[in-house]
Amino acid sequence: MIRFLTRFMSQIIIRYIEKPVLNYQAHQFVPLNDLRDSLQPGDVLLVEGNQRISTAIKYLTQSTWSHAALYIGENDTLTDEFGYPACLIEADVSRGAVASSLTKYLGYNTRICRPTLITPDDRDAVVAYMIAALGTAYDVKNVIDLARYLLPQPPVPVKWRRRMIALGSGEPSQAICSTLIARAFQSVGYPILPDVTLENQREVLHIRHHSLFTPRDFDVSPYFDVVKPLTLKKLDYKSFKWNRQALDPPDET
């Protein structure tokens, strides 16, 4: 009975937190072909989401990025929910771990984070891990925990915010977007943002629990490069056509 009520309440909460906010603004537009040409299997695509749940995640992580997906490359056997070819795997709030197409995030602010040091075999293993995770349920407890931060409340101290994002069940059979990807990289021993201590005048890396990883960690990780699609094209900025008329300042009234 309790499990049924939890699932029922979570469905109500999911419908609420998946609603888009009205003031979302994209500051970049990367054509689909440019985005696709810039991605390599194993890349992490960070997304600045426009849903209510995105607001909670961005607040807790103090970051632009509220969602993460792993690019697996072209795969003839995977399709998204609409039947189109899929090249991303992500943990979706309502559907769990699913395959998605790249067109899903056109018009959003995004960032590509590349694990440059990873070996080809480990990269393939990370992709295989994510494919095997398809169908994994989203962490319902995490959904309920995050929903609390969409309500008016006192500010959460910065040092507690990472723990707040890890309030879910932590069960391996359940996941949120960044923890699923973190588990995939940890399965081959690839570092994301380990804790570092100095022991006997040597740096020692400590594995952080996967539930503590957030989309922001892939952005600030020293083991991931940030890839900018339009700079890869080596555009001639001298040829840009500028509107020299200044834009009107925003109305503050």
Protein backbone atom coordinates (compact mmCIF):
# COMPACT_ATOMS: atom_id res chain seq x y z
CA MET A 1 0.00 0.00 0.00
CA ILE A 2 2.79 2.40 0.95
CA ARG A 3 4.65 1.59 -2.26
CA PHE A 4 1.49 2.24 -4.28
CA LEU A 5 0.92 5.61 -2.58
CA THR A 6 4.56 6.57 -3.13
CA ARG A 7 4.30 5.73 -6.82
CA PHE A 8 0.99 7.58 -7.12
CA MET A 9 2.38 10.70 -5.44
CA SER A 10 5.54 10.55 -7.53
CA GLN A 11 3.48 10.54 -10.75
CA ILE A 12 1.68 13.69 -9.61
CA ILE A 13 4.98 15.31 -8.71
CA ILE A 14 6.56 14.27 -12.02
CA ARG A 15 3.74 15.89 -13.99
CA TYR A 16 4.34 19.08 -12.00
CA ILE A 17 8.13 19.24 -12.16
CA GLU A 18 8.28 18.38 -15.88
CA LYS A 19 6.31 21.46 -16.84
CA PRO A 20 8.50 24.04 -18.63
CA VAL A 21 9.25 27.41 -17.09
CA LEU A 22 8.15 30.41 -19.13
CA ASN A 23 11.27 32.56 -18.91
CA TYR A 24 13.80 30.12 -20.41
CA GLN A 25 16.13 31.73 -22.94
CA ALA A 26 18.66 29.98 -25.16
CA HIS A 27 21.87 31.96 -25.70
CA GLN A 28 23.29 29.79 -28.44
CA PHE A 29 22.10 28.01 -31.53
CA VAL A 30 24.19 25.17 -32.87
CA PRO A 31 22.85 23.63 -36.10
CA LEU A 32 22.07 19.93 -35.82
CA ASN A 33 24.74 18.90 -38.32
CA ASP A 34 27.42 20.91 -36.49
CA LEU A 35 26.42 19.41 -33.14
CA ARG A 36 26.39 15.88 -34.55
CA ASP A 37 29.74 16.32 -36.32
CA SER A 38 31.33 17.56 -33.08
CA LEU A 39 30.26 14.60 -30.94
CA GLN A 40 32.17 11.37 -30.42
CA PRO A 41 31.03 8.19 -28.64
CA GLY A 42 31.63 8.57 -24.91
CA ASP A 43 31.03 12.34 -24.90
CA VAL A 44 28.77 13.75 -22.20
CA LEU A 45 26.21 16.26 -23.44
CA LEU A 46 25.22 18.72 -20.72
CA VAL A 47 21.91 20.53 -21.08
CA GLU A 48 20.47 23.62 -19.46
CA GLY A 49 16.92 22.37 -19.09
CA ASN A 50 13.75 24.45 -19.10
CA GLN A 51 11.62 22.38 -16.71
CA ARG A 52 10.75 23.06 -13.10
CA ILE A 53 12.98 20.20 -12.01
CA SER A 54 15.83 21.93 -13.85
CA THR A 55 15.37 24.95 -11.59
CA ALA A 56 15.83 22.78 -8.50
CA ILE A 57 18.94 21.03 -9.84
CA LYS A 58 20.56 24.30 -10.97
CA TYR A 59 19.87 25.83 -7.55
CA LEU A 60 21.36 22.91 -5.64
CA THR A 61 24.42 22.61 -7.88
CA GLN A 62 24.89 26.36 -8.44
CA SER A 63 25.40 25.57 -12.11
CA THR A 64 23.94 26.25 -15.53
CA TRP A 65 23.67 22.55 -16.28
CA SER A 66 20.69 20.57 -15.03
CA HIS A 67 20.84 17.44 -17.19
CA ALA A 68 23.39 15.09 -18.74
CA ALA A 69 23.21 12.49 -21.52
CA LEU A 70 25.85 10.19 -22.98
CA TYR A 71 26.48 10.17 -26.73
CA ILE A 72 26.85 6.59 -27.94
CA GLY A 73 27.21 7.29 -31.65
CA GLU A 74 25.05 5.99 -34.47
CA ASN A 75 23.28 2.77 -33.50
CA ASP A 76 20.99 1.02 -35.98
CA THR A 77 19.12 -0.86 -33.24
CA LEU A 78 18.09 2.06 -31.01
CA THR A 79 15.24 4.48 -31.57
CA ASP A 80 13.68 7.20 -29.45
CA GLU A 81 10.09 7.23 -28.21
CA PHE A 82 8.91 8.52 -31.59
CA GLY A 83 10.71 5.85 -33.61
CA TYR A 84 13.56 8.06 -34.84
CA PRO A 85 17.21 6.90 -34.71
CA ALA A 86 18.71 7.49 -31.26
CA CYS A 87 22.29 8.38 -30.40
CA LEU A 88 21.96 9.49 -26.75
CA ILE A 89 21.23 7.54 -23.58
CA GLU A 90 19.89 9.43 -20.59
CA ALA A 91 17.83 8.98 -17.44
CA ASP A 92 14.44 10.60 -17.97
CA VAL A 93 12.28 11.51 -14.96
CA SER A 94 9.11 9.85 -16.22
CA ARG A 95 10.55 7.01 -18.36
CA GLY A 96 13.82 6.02 -16.69
CA ALA A 97 16.94 5.23 -18.74
CA VAL A 98 16.01 5.72 -22.38
CA ALA A 99 17.52 6.27 -25.81
CA SER A 100 16.96 9.72 -27.33
CA SER A 101 17.69 11.51 -30.57
CA LEU A 102 19.91 14.57 -30.80
CA THR A 103 17.04 16.72 -32.08
CA LYS A 104 15.53 16.62 -28.58
CA TYR A 105 17.97 19.29 -27.43
CA LEU A 106 18.04 21.63 -30.38
CA GLY A 107 17.32 25.12 -29.12
CA TYR A 108 18.78 24.45 -25.67
CA ASN A 109 22.02 25.71 -24.21
CA THR A 110 24.35 22.71 -24.27
CA ARG A 111 27.96 21.77 -23.62
CA ILE A 112 30.02 18.83 -24.85
CA CYS A 113 32.41 17.29 -22.31
CA ARG A 114 34.88 14.77 -23.71
CA PRO A 115 36.85 12.17 -21.70
CA THR A 116 40.00 12.80 -23.73
CA LEU A 117 42.26 10.38 -21.84
CA ILE A 118 40.00 7.35 -22.11
CA THR A 119 41.23 4.34 -24.06
CA PRO A 120 39.17 3.06 -27.01
CA ASP A 121 38.36 -0.19 -25.17
CA ASP A 122 37.20 1.66 -22.04
CA ARG A 123 35.15 4.07 -24.14
CA ASP A 124 33.40 1.13 -25.79
CA ALA A 125 32.81 -0.40 -22.35
CA VAL A 126 31.21 2.85 -21.10
CA VAL A 127 28.89 2.91 -24.11
CA ALA A 128 28.02 -0.76 -23.59
CA TYR A 129 27.28 -0.08 -19.90
CA MET A 130 24.84 2.66 -20.82
CA ILE A 131 23.09 0.53 -23.44
CA ALA A 132 22.73 -2.29 -20.90
CA ALA A 133 21.17 0.21 -18.45
CA LEU A 134 18.26 0.98 -20.79
CA GLY A 135 15.01 0.42 -18.93
CA THR A 136 16.46 1.29 -15.52
CA ALA A 137 13.83 3.14 -13.49
CA TYR A 138 14.37 6.74 -12.46
CA ASP A 139 14.97 7.15 -8.72
CA VAL A 140 11.47 8.00 -7.45
CA LYS A 141 12.74 9.06 -4.03
CA ASN A 142 15.08 11.51 -5.70
CA VAL A 143 12.12 13.00 -7.58
CA ILE A 144 10.26 13.62 -4.33
CA ASP A 145 13.38 15.06 -2.68
CA LEU A 146 14.02 17.46 -5.57
CA ALA A 147 10.40 18.60 -5.63
CA ARG A 148 10.83 20.06 -2.15
CA TYR A 149 13.29 22.62 -3.52
CA LEU A 150 10.72 24.04 -5.90
CA LEU A 151 8.76 25.36 -2.92
CA PRO A 152 9.55 28.61 -1.08
CA GLN A 153 12.09 27.89 1.64
CA PRO A 154 15.17 29.29 3.37
CA PRO A 155 18.39 29.13 1.32
CA VAL A 156 20.36 25.87 1.58
CA PRO A 157 24.00 26.33 2.67
CA VAL A 158 26.39 25.63 -0.19
CA LYS A 159 28.23 22.84 1.63
CA TRP A 160 24.98 20.86 1.97
CA ARG A 161 23.75 21.21 -1.60
CA ARG A 162 25.69 18.30 -3.09
CA ARG A 163 24.30 16.04 -0.38
CA MET A 164 20.81 17.30 -1.15
CA ILE A 165 21.13 16.09 -4.74
CA ALA A 166 22.00 12.61 -3.41
CA LEU A 167 18.94 12.21 -1.20
CA GLY A 168 17.50 9.49 -3.40
CA SER A 169 17.44 5.80 -2.67
CA GLY A 170 20.90 5.13 -4.10
CA GLU A 171 19.75 1.73 -5.39
CA PRO A 172 21.80 0.43 -8.37
CA SER A 173 18.51 -0.48 -10.06
CA GLN A 174 17.48 3.19 -10.05
CA ALA A 175 19.26 6.25 -11.38
CA ILE A 176 19.23 9.94 -12.13
CA CYS A 177 20.96 11.38 -15.20
CA SER A 178 24.41 12.20 -13.82
CA THR A 179 24.69 9.23 -11.47
CA LEU A 180 23.99 6.74 -14.26
CA ILE A 181 26.77 8.25 -16.38
CA ALA A 182 29.09 8.42 -13.36
CA ARG A 183 28.56 4.70 -12.72
CA ALA A 184 29.41 3.97 -16.36
CA PHE A 185 32.77 5.78 -16.15
CA GLN A 186 33.53 4.36 -12.70
CA SER A 187 32.99 0.86 -14.11
CA VAL A 188 36.21 1.28 -16.14
CA GLY A 189 38.05 3.36 -13.53
CA TYR A 190 37.92 6.62 -15.46
CA PRO A 191 38.05 9.63 -13.10
CA ILE A 192 35.45 12.40 -13.13
CA LEU A 193 35.99 14.55 -10.06
CA PRO A 194 37.61 12.40 -7.35
CA ASP A 195 38.37 13.61 -3.86
CA VAL A 196 42.12 14.21 -3.51
CA THR A 197 44.10 13.92 -0.27
CA LEU A 198 47.81 14.24 0.44
CA GLU A 199 49.22 11.11 2.06
CA ASN A 200 52.97 10.66 2.62
CA GLN A 201 53.60 13.63 0.31
CA ARG A 202 51.70 11.91 -2.49
CA GLU A 203 48.32 12.74 -3.96
CA VAL A 204 45.81 9.94 -3.44
CA LEU A 205 42.53 9.83 -5.40
CA HIS A 206 39.40 8.67 -3.60
CA ILE A 207 36.38 7.35 -5.49
CA ARG A 208 33.31 9.48 -4.81
CA HIS A 209 30.00 7.67 -4.48
CA HIS A 210 28.12 7.84 -7.76
CA SER A 211 25.04 9.41 -6.12
CA LEU A 212 27.07 12.54 -5.35
CA PHE A 213 27.83 13.39 -8.98
CA THR A 214 25.98 16.21 -10.72
CA PRO A 215 25.99 17.43 -14.36
CA ARG A 216 28.30 20.28 -13.33
CA ASP A 217 31.07 17.83 -12.36
CA PHE A 218 31.69 16.81 -15.97
CA ASP A 219 32.10 20.49 -16.88
CA VAL A 220 34.68 21.29 -14.18
CA SER A 221 36.45 17.92 -14.29
CA PRO A 222 40.15 18.14 -15.25
CA TYR A 223 39.73 14.81 -17.04
CA PHE A 224 37.10 16.05 -19.51
CA ASP A 225 37.69 18.60 -22.27
CA VAL A 226 35.03 21.12 -23.24
CA VAL A 227 34.29 20.97 -26.98
CA LYS A 228 32.75 23.97 -28.73
CA PRO A 229 31.14 22.94 -32.04
CA LEU A 230 31.36 26.28 -33.82
CA THR A 231 35.03 26.88 -32.98
CA LEU A 232 35.85 23.49 -34.50
CA LYS A 233 34.66 24.88 -37.83
CA LYS A 234 37.35 27.60 -37.62
CA LEU A 235 34.91 30.25 -38.78
CA ASP A 236 36.19 33.56 -40.11
CA TYR A 237 34.74 35.98 -37.58
CA LYS A 238 35.75 38.86 -39.86
CA SER A 239 32.98 37.75 -42.22
CA PHE A 240 30.24 37.91 -39.58
CA LYS A 241 27.35 40.21 -40.45
CA TRP A 242 26.65 42.44 -37.45
CA ASN A 243 23.62 44.60 -36.80
CA ARG A 244 25.32 47.76 -35.60
CA GLN A 245 22.16 49.16 -34.10
CA ALA A 246 22.33 48.78 -30.34
CA LEU A 247 19.62 46.68 -28.75
CA ASP A 248 17.27 48.44 -26.39
CA PRO A 249 18.14 47.85 -22.72
CA PRO A 250 15.71 45.68 -20.79
CA ASP A 251 12.79 47.45 -19.20
CA GLU A 252 13.37 47.33 -15.43
CA THR A 253 9.99 48.78 -14.53
